[in-house]
N, C-alpha and C. Protein backbone atom coordinates (compact mmCIF):
# COMPACT_ATOMS: atom_id res chain seq x y z
N UNK A 1 20.13 -6.52 24.99
CA UNK A 1 19.30 -5.36 24.69
C UNK A 1 17.83 -5.72 24.91
N UNK A 2 17.12 -4.88 25.63
CA UNK A 2 15.74 -5.16 26.00
C UNK A 2 14.81 -4.31 25.13
N UNK A 3 13.79 -4.97 24.56
CA UNK A 3 12.78 -4.27 23.78
C UNK A 3 11.44 -4.44 24.47
N UNK A 4 10.69 -3.38 24.50
CA UNK A 4 9.36 -3.42 25.11
C UNK A 4 8.43 -4.25 24.23
N UNK A 5 7.43 -4.82 24.86
CA UNK A 5 6.45 -5.62 24.15
C UNK A 5 5.21 -4.77 23.86
N UNK A 6 4.68 -4.93 22.67
CA UNK A 6 3.45 -4.26 22.28
C UNK A 6 2.34 -5.29 22.34
N UNK A 7 1.38 -5.09 23.23
CA UNK A 7 0.31 -6.07 23.44
C UNK A 7 -0.81 -5.82 22.44
N UNK A 8 -1.09 -6.83 21.62
CA UNK A 8 -2.17 -6.77 20.64
C UNK A 8 -3.45 -7.34 21.25
N UNK A 9 -3.33 -8.53 21.84
CA UNK A 9 -4.45 -9.17 22.53
C UNK A 9 -3.88 -9.92 23.72
N UNK A 10 -4.72 -10.70 24.40
CA UNK A 10 -4.25 -11.45 25.57
C UNK A 10 -3.17 -12.46 25.21
N UNK A 11 -3.25 -13.02 24.01
CA UNK A 11 -2.31 -14.07 23.63
C UNK A 11 -1.26 -13.62 22.62
N UNK A 12 -1.44 -12.45 22.01
CA UNK A 12 -0.53 -12.00 20.95
C UNK A 12 0.13 -10.69 21.34
N UNK A 13 1.45 -10.67 21.19
CA UNK A 13 2.19 -9.43 21.42
C UNK A 13 3.40 -9.41 20.48
N UNK A 14 3.89 -8.22 20.23
CA UNK A 14 5.03 -8.01 19.32
C UNK A 14 6.15 -7.32 20.08
N UNK A 15 7.36 -7.56 19.63
CA UNK A 15 8.47 -6.81 20.19
C UNK A 15 8.57 -5.49 19.45
N UNK A 16 8.98 -4.47 20.17
CA UNK A 16 9.01 -3.13 19.58
C UNK A 16 10.03 -3.02 18.45
N UNK A 17 11.05 -3.88 18.41
CA UNK A 17 12.05 -3.80 17.35
C UNK A 17 11.52 -4.30 16.00
N UNK A 18 10.32 -4.89 15.98
CA UNK A 18 9.71 -5.32 14.73
C UNK A 18 9.06 -4.15 13.99
N UNK A 19 8.88 -3.05 14.67
CA UNK A 19 8.29 -1.85 14.07
C UNK A 19 9.39 -0.86 13.75
N UNK A 20 9.35 -0.33 12.54
CA UNK A 20 10.32 0.70 12.15
C UNK A 20 9.61 2.06 12.22
N UNK A 21 10.23 2.98 12.96
CA UNK A 21 9.67 4.32 13.12
C UNK A 21 10.41 5.29 12.21
N UNK A 22 9.67 6.19 11.59
CA UNK A 22 10.26 7.31 10.85
C UNK A 22 9.54 8.57 11.29
N UNK A 23 10.30 9.61 11.49
CA UNK A 23 9.71 10.91 11.83
C UNK A 23 10.00 11.86 10.69
N UNK A 24 8.93 12.35 10.09
CA UNK A 24 9.04 13.15 8.88
C UNK A 24 8.32 14.47 9.09
N UNK A 25 8.54 15.37 8.16
CA UNK A 25 7.87 16.67 8.25
C UNK A 25 6.40 16.52 7.87
N UNK A 26 5.56 17.17 8.63
CA UNK A 26 4.13 17.14 8.35
C UNK A 26 3.82 18.00 7.14
N UNK A 27 2.76 17.62 6.43
CA UNK A 27 2.33 18.43 5.29
C UNK A 27 1.24 19.38 5.74
N UNK A 28 0.92 20.33 4.93
CA UNK A 28 -0.17 21.25 5.22
C UNK A 28 0.30 22.54 5.85
N UNK A 29 -0.68 23.33 6.30
CA UNK A 29 -0.41 24.64 6.86
C UNK A 29 0.30 24.52 8.20
N UNK A 30 1.03 25.56 8.57
CA UNK A 30 1.69 25.56 9.87
C UNK A 30 2.79 26.59 9.97
N UNK A 31 3.02 27.32 8.91
CA UNK A 31 4.01 28.39 8.96
C UNK A 31 5.43 27.86 8.98
N UNK A 32 6.34 28.65 9.55
CA UNK A 32 7.76 28.29 9.55
C UNK A 32 8.04 27.08 10.41
N UNK A 33 7.26 26.86 11.46
CA UNK A 33 7.48 25.73 12.36
C UNK A 33 7.45 24.41 11.60
N UNK A 34 6.53 24.28 10.67
CA UNK A 34 6.32 23.03 9.95
C UNK A 34 7.52 22.71 9.06
N UNK A 35 8.24 23.73 8.60
CA UNK A 35 9.38 23.52 7.72
C UNK A 35 10.65 23.12 8.47
N UNK A 36 10.64 23.23 9.78
CA UNK A 36 11.84 22.97 10.57
C UNK A 36 11.79 21.67 11.35
N UNK A 37 10.60 21.24 11.74
CA UNK A 37 10.48 20.17 12.71
C UNK A 37 9.81 18.94 12.09
N UNK A 38 10.34 17.76 12.36
CA UNK A 38 9.77 16.49 11.88
C UNK A 38 8.83 15.94 12.94
N UNK A 39 7.57 16.36 12.87
CA UNK A 39 6.62 15.96 13.91
C UNK A 39 5.74 14.78 13.50
N UNK A 40 5.61 14.52 12.22
CA UNK A 40 4.75 13.42 11.78
C UNK A 40 5.44 12.09 12.06
N UNK A 41 4.68 11.15 12.60
CA UNK A 41 5.22 9.82 12.91
C UNK A 41 4.70 8.82 11.89
N UNK A 42 5.58 7.94 11.44
CA UNK A 42 5.21 6.93 10.45
C UNK A 42 5.72 5.57 10.93
N UNK A 43 4.82 4.59 10.93
CA UNK A 43 5.17 3.22 11.30
C UNK A 43 5.28 2.41 10.03
N UNK A 44 6.35 1.62 9.93
CA UNK A 44 6.48 0.66 8.84
C UNK A 44 6.66 -0.71 9.50
N UNK A 45 5.78 -1.64 9.14
CA UNK A 45 5.77 -2.97 9.74
C UNK A 45 5.66 -4.01 8.65
N UNK A 46 6.62 -4.92 8.59
CA UNK A 46 6.62 -6.00 7.59
C UNK A 46 5.85 -7.18 8.15
N UNK A 47 4.72 -7.49 7.52
CA UNK A 47 3.86 -8.57 8.01
C UNK A 47 4.56 -9.92 7.90
N UNK A 48 5.17 -10.18 6.75
CA UNK A 48 5.77 -11.49 6.50
C UNK A 48 6.95 -11.78 7.42
N UNK A 49 7.73 -10.77 7.77
CA UNK A 49 8.91 -10.97 8.61
C UNK A 49 8.60 -10.86 10.11
N UNK A 50 7.34 -10.69 10.45
CA UNK A 50 6.97 -10.48 11.86
C UNK A 50 6.82 -11.80 12.60
N UNK A 51 6.67 -11.69 13.90
CA UNK A 51 6.46 -12.87 14.75
C UNK A 51 4.98 -13.12 15.03
N UNK A 52 4.11 -12.50 14.23
CA UNK A 52 2.67 -12.72 14.39
C UNK A 52 2.31 -14.16 14.04
N UNK A 53 1.26 -14.71 14.67
CA UNK A 53 0.79 -16.05 14.27
C UNK A 53 0.33 -16.04 12.81
N UNK A 54 0.40 -17.21 12.18
CA UNK A 54 0.04 -17.31 10.75
C UNK A 54 -1.38 -16.83 10.46
N UNK A 55 -2.30 -17.09 11.39
CA UNK A 55 -3.68 -16.64 11.21
C UNK A 55 -3.73 -15.12 11.02
N UNK A 56 -3.00 -14.39 11.86
CA UNK A 56 -2.96 -12.92 11.77
C UNK A 56 -2.33 -12.48 10.46
N UNK A 57 -1.23 -13.12 10.09
CA UNK A 57 -0.52 -12.74 8.86
C UNK A 57 -1.44 -12.90 7.64
N UNK A 58 -2.08 -14.07 7.53
CA UNK A 58 -2.95 -14.34 6.38
C UNK A 58 -4.13 -13.36 6.35
N UNK A 59 -4.72 -13.12 7.50
CA UNK A 59 -5.88 -12.22 7.56
C UNK A 59 -5.47 -10.79 7.21
N UNK A 60 -4.30 -10.34 7.67
CA UNK A 60 -3.84 -8.99 7.35
C UNK A 60 -3.55 -8.85 5.86
N UNK A 61 -2.93 -9.87 5.26
CA UNK A 61 -2.60 -9.80 3.83
C UNK A 61 -3.87 -9.83 2.97
N UNK A 62 -4.93 -10.48 3.44
CA UNK A 62 -6.19 -10.52 2.69
C UNK A 62 -7.01 -9.25 2.88
N UNK A 63 -6.77 -8.54 3.97
CA UNK A 63 -7.59 -7.37 4.33
C UNK A 63 -7.44 -6.26 3.29
N UNK A 64 -8.57 -5.69 2.89
CA UNK A 64 -8.57 -4.58 1.93
C UNK A 64 -8.46 -3.28 2.72
N UNK A 65 -7.24 -2.81 2.91
CA UNK A 65 -7.00 -1.60 3.68
C UNK A 65 -5.90 -0.81 2.96
N UNK A 66 -6.10 0.49 2.81
CA UNK A 66 -5.13 1.30 2.07
C UNK A 66 -3.79 1.40 2.78
N UNK A 67 -3.75 1.05 4.05
CA UNK A 67 -2.50 1.14 4.81
C UNK A 67 -1.63 -0.10 4.64
N UNK A 68 -2.14 -1.14 3.98
CA UNK A 68 -1.38 -2.36 3.75
C UNK A 68 -0.99 -2.40 2.27
N UNK A 69 0.33 -2.47 2.01
CA UNK A 69 0.82 -2.48 0.63
C UNK A 69 0.74 -3.89 0.04
N UNK A 70 0.90 -3.98 -1.27
CA UNK A 70 0.87 -5.28 -1.95
C UNK A 70 2.05 -6.15 -1.54
N UNK A 71 3.15 -5.52 -1.15
CA UNK A 71 4.33 -6.28 -0.74
C UNK A 71 4.22 -6.79 0.70
N UNK A 72 3.12 -6.47 1.39
CA UNK A 72 2.88 -6.98 2.73
C UNK A 72 3.45 -6.12 3.84
N UNK A 73 3.48 -4.82 3.63
CA UNK A 73 3.95 -3.91 4.68
C UNK A 73 2.80 -3.02 5.11
N UNK A 74 2.73 -2.79 6.41
CA UNK A 74 1.74 -1.87 6.97
C UNK A 74 2.44 -0.53 7.14
N UNK A 75 1.86 0.52 6.56
CA UNK A 75 2.41 1.86 6.68
C UNK A 75 1.32 2.76 7.26
N UNK A 76 1.58 3.26 8.45
CA UNK A 76 0.62 4.15 9.11
C UNK A 76 1.32 5.47 9.39
N UNK A 77 0.73 6.56 8.87
CA UNK A 77 1.29 7.89 9.06
C UNK A 77 0.31 8.71 9.89
N UNK A 78 0.84 9.40 10.89
CA UNK A 78 0.01 10.23 11.75
C UNK A 78 0.63 11.61 11.87
N UNK A 79 -0.14 12.63 11.53
CA UNK A 79 0.34 14.01 11.62
C UNK A 79 -0.75 14.93 12.17
N UNK A 80 -1.55 14.42 13.08
CA UNK A 80 -2.67 15.18 13.61
C UNK A 80 -2.23 16.32 14.52
N UNK A 81 -1.13 16.13 15.22
CA UNK A 81 -0.72 17.08 16.24
C UNK A 81 0.62 17.72 15.88
N UNK A 82 0.95 18.79 16.59
CA UNK A 82 2.28 19.40 16.42
C UNK A 82 3.30 18.73 17.33
N UNK A 83 2.82 17.80 18.15
CA UNK A 83 3.69 17.08 19.08
C UNK A 83 4.09 15.73 18.48
N UNK A 84 5.37 15.49 18.39
CA UNK A 84 5.86 14.23 17.84
C UNK A 84 5.45 13.06 18.72
N UNK A 85 5.50 13.24 20.03
CA UNK A 85 5.16 12.17 20.95
C UNK A 85 3.68 11.80 20.83
N UNK A 86 2.81 12.80 20.72
CA UNK A 86 1.37 12.53 20.56
C UNK A 86 1.11 11.79 19.25
N UNK A 87 1.77 12.22 18.17
CA UNK A 87 1.61 11.55 16.88
C UNK A 87 2.11 10.11 16.94
N UNK A 88 3.18 9.88 17.69
CA UNK A 88 3.73 8.53 17.85
C UNK A 88 2.72 7.64 18.59
N UNK A 89 2.13 8.15 19.65
CA UNK A 89 1.15 7.38 20.41
C UNK A 89 -0.09 7.09 19.57
N UNK A 90 -0.54 8.07 18.79
CA UNK A 90 -1.72 7.90 17.95
C UNK A 90 -1.47 6.85 16.87
N UNK A 91 -0.30 6.92 16.24
CA UNK A 91 0.05 5.96 15.19
C UNK A 91 0.12 4.54 15.77
N UNK A 92 0.69 4.41 16.94
CA UNK A 92 0.79 3.09 17.58
C UNK A 92 -0.59 2.55 17.93
N UNK A 93 -1.49 3.41 18.40
CA UNK A 93 -2.86 2.99 18.71
C UNK A 93 -3.59 2.53 17.44
N UNK A 94 -3.39 3.24 16.32
CA UNK A 94 -4.00 2.84 15.05
C UNK A 94 -3.45 1.50 14.58
N UNK A 95 -2.14 1.31 14.77
CA UNK A 95 -1.48 0.07 14.37
C UNK A 95 -2.04 -1.11 15.16
N UNK A 96 -2.16 -0.96 16.47
CA UNK A 96 -2.69 -2.03 17.32
C UNK A 96 -4.14 -2.33 16.95
N UNK A 97 -4.92 -1.28 16.70
CA UNK A 97 -6.32 -1.46 16.32
C UNK A 97 -6.45 -2.22 15.00
N UNK A 98 -5.56 -1.91 14.03
CA UNK A 98 -5.59 -2.58 12.73
C UNK A 98 -5.30 -4.07 12.89
N UNK A 99 -4.27 -4.40 13.65
CA UNK A 99 -3.90 -5.80 13.81
C UNK A 99 -4.95 -6.55 14.62
N UNK A 100 -5.48 -5.92 15.66
CA UNK A 100 -6.50 -6.58 16.49
C UNK A 100 -7.81 -6.78 15.72
N UNK A 101 -8.06 -5.95 14.70
CA UNK A 101 -9.33 -6.05 13.96
C UNK A 101 -9.45 -7.34 13.17
N UNK A 102 -8.33 -7.96 12.79
CA UNK A 102 -8.42 -9.19 12.00
C UNK A 102 -8.76 -10.40 12.87
N UNK A 103 -8.61 -10.28 14.18
CA UNK A 103 -8.93 -11.38 15.08
C UNK A 103 -10.43 -11.49 15.34
N UNK A 104 -11.16 -10.42 15.08
CA UNK A 104 -12.60 -10.42 15.30
C UNK A 104 -13.27 -11.11 14.11
N UNK A 105 -13.91 -12.22 14.38
CA UNK A 105 -14.56 -12.98 13.31
C UNK A 105 -16.00 -12.53 13.20
N UNK A 106 -16.37 -12.08 12.02
CA UNK A 106 -17.73 -11.60 11.78
C UNK A 106 -18.70 -12.77 11.78
N UNK A 107 -19.88 -12.55 12.37
CA UNK A 107 -20.92 -13.57 12.33
C UNK A 107 -21.48 -13.64 10.92
N UNK A 108 -21.74 -14.87 10.46
CA UNK A 108 -22.33 -15.03 9.14
C UNK A 108 -23.78 -14.59 9.18
N UNK A 109 -24.17 -13.85 8.16
CA UNK A 109 -25.54 -13.37 8.09
C UNK A 109 -26.44 -14.49 7.60
N UNK A 110 -27.56 -14.67 8.28
CA UNK A 110 -28.53 -15.68 7.89
C UNK A 110 -29.61 -14.97 7.09
N UNK A 111 -29.76 -15.39 5.83
CA UNK A 111 -30.75 -14.77 4.96
C UNK A 111 -32.15 -15.10 5.46
N UNK A 112 -33.00 -14.09 5.53
CA UNK A 112 -34.37 -14.29 5.98
C UNK A 112 -35.32 -13.71 4.94
N UNK A 113 -36.55 -14.23 4.97
CA UNK A 113 -37.56 -13.72 4.05
C UNK A 113 -38.49 -12.79 4.81
N UNK A 114 -39.03 -11.76 4.12
CA UNK A 114 -39.99 -10.89 4.80
C UNK A 114 -41.26 -11.68 5.13
N UNK A 115 -41.89 -11.32 6.24
CA UNK A 115 -43.12 -12.01 6.65
C UNK A 115 -44.27 -11.64 5.72
N UNK A 116 -45.29 -12.49 5.73
CA UNK A 116 -46.48 -12.23 4.89
C UNK A 116 -47.12 -10.89 5.26
N UNK A 117 -47.16 -10.63 6.58
CA UNK A 117 -47.77 -9.38 7.05
C UNK A 117 -47.01 -8.16 6.55
N UNK A 118 -45.67 -8.21 6.59
CA UNK A 118 -44.88 -7.06 6.14
C UNK A 118 -45.00 -6.88 4.62
N UNK A 119 -45.11 -7.98 3.89
CA UNK A 119 -45.31 -7.88 2.43
C UNK A 119 -46.66 -7.23 2.14
N UNK A 120 -47.70 -7.66 2.87
CA UNK A 120 -49.04 -7.12 2.67
C UNK A 120 -49.07 -5.62 2.99
N UNK A 121 -48.46 -5.24 4.13
CA UNK A 121 -48.42 -3.82 4.50
C UNK A 121 -47.71 -2.99 3.45
N UNK A 122 -46.61 -3.52 2.89
CA UNK A 122 -45.86 -2.80 1.85
C UNK A 122 -46.73 -2.57 0.62
N UNK A 123 -47.43 -3.59 0.17
CA UNK A 123 -48.28 -3.47 -1.01
C UNK A 123 -49.45 -2.52 -0.74
N UNK A 124 -50.04 -2.60 0.45
CA UNK A 124 -51.15 -1.71 0.80
C UNK A 124 -50.70 -0.25 0.78
N UNK A 125 -49.50 0.01 1.31
CA UNK A 125 -48.97 1.39 1.31
C UNK A 125 -48.75 1.88 -0.11
N UNK A 126 -48.23 0.98 -0.97
CA UNK A 126 -48.01 1.38 -2.37
C UNK A 126 -49.34 1.70 -3.06
N UNK A 127 -50.36 0.89 -2.80
CA UNK A 127 -51.69 1.14 -3.40
C UNK A 127 -52.27 2.46 -2.92
N UNK A 128 -52.09 2.74 -1.63
CA UNK A 128 -52.58 3.99 -1.04
C UNK A 128 -51.91 5.19 -1.71
N UNK A 129 -50.58 5.14 -1.87
CA UNK A 129 -49.85 6.25 -2.50
C UNK A 129 -50.27 6.42 -3.96
N UNK A 130 -50.48 5.28 -4.64
CA UNK A 130 -50.93 5.33 -6.03
C UNK A 130 -52.30 5.98 -6.15
N UNK A 131 -53.20 5.65 -5.22
CA UNK A 131 -54.55 6.23 -5.23
C UNK A 131 -54.48 7.73 -4.98
N UNK A 132 -53.59 8.16 -4.04
CA UNK A 132 -53.43 9.59 -3.75
C UNK A 132 -52.95 10.33 -4.99
N UNK A 133 -52.00 9.75 -5.70
CA UNK A 133 -51.47 10.39 -6.91
C UNK A 133 -52.52 10.42 -8.03
N UNK A 134 -53.34 9.38 -8.07
CA UNK A 134 -54.40 9.33 -9.09
C UNK A 134 -55.40 10.47 -8.89
N UNK A 135 -55.67 10.82 -7.63
CA UNK A 135 -56.60 11.91 -7.33
C UNK A 135 -56.02 13.26 -7.76
N UNK A 136 -54.69 13.37 -7.80
CA UNK A 136 -54.04 14.63 -8.18
C UNK A 136 -54.06 14.87 -9.67
N UNK A 137 -54.24 13.79 -10.47
CA UNK A 137 -54.20 13.94 -11.92
C UNK A 137 -55.39 14.75 -12.41
N UNK A 138 -55.13 15.50 -13.46
CA UNK A 138 -56.23 16.33 -14.00
C UNK A 138 -57.20 15.43 -14.79
N UNK A 139 -58.47 15.81 -14.78
CA UNK A 139 -59.49 15.01 -15.46
C UNK A 139 -59.75 15.63 -16.83
N UNK A 140 -58.85 15.40 -17.77
CA UNK A 140 -58.97 15.98 -19.12
C UNK A 140 -59.77 15.07 -20.05
N UNK A 141 -60.19 13.89 -19.55
CA UNK A 141 -60.94 12.94 -20.38
C UNK A 141 -62.39 13.36 -20.59
N UNK A 142 -62.94 14.23 -19.75
CA UNK A 142 -64.35 14.63 -19.81
C UNK A 142 -64.66 15.43 -20.99
């Protein structure tokens, strides 16, 4: 039996049998059509049982995303369209984007201090605004 490969990056890919598909009825407005047809596509993917490299698994389990459950499953539901095929493609694109996002390593931010000139300009602006407000005050002391 042949399963298609889902390409995540140049070096990482998954077999399609690792993803479980469910087609369910969409929620929301849509009249009688919505009550008859299962157009919403849902992906269920078990991170721990997958063939992903350990780096990907650990990063996905640490990621704070509402689509990842505490038990380590990715659940993506798509019901944007009335077409089941379009919803399936959209859900798969979201799934690939989620997994590929953990491979991008964020650059560490280097803390910097404001320059003397920018500090001086900030204080001068504050003094100017204070002086403007002082002119607006009523002179009841006279």
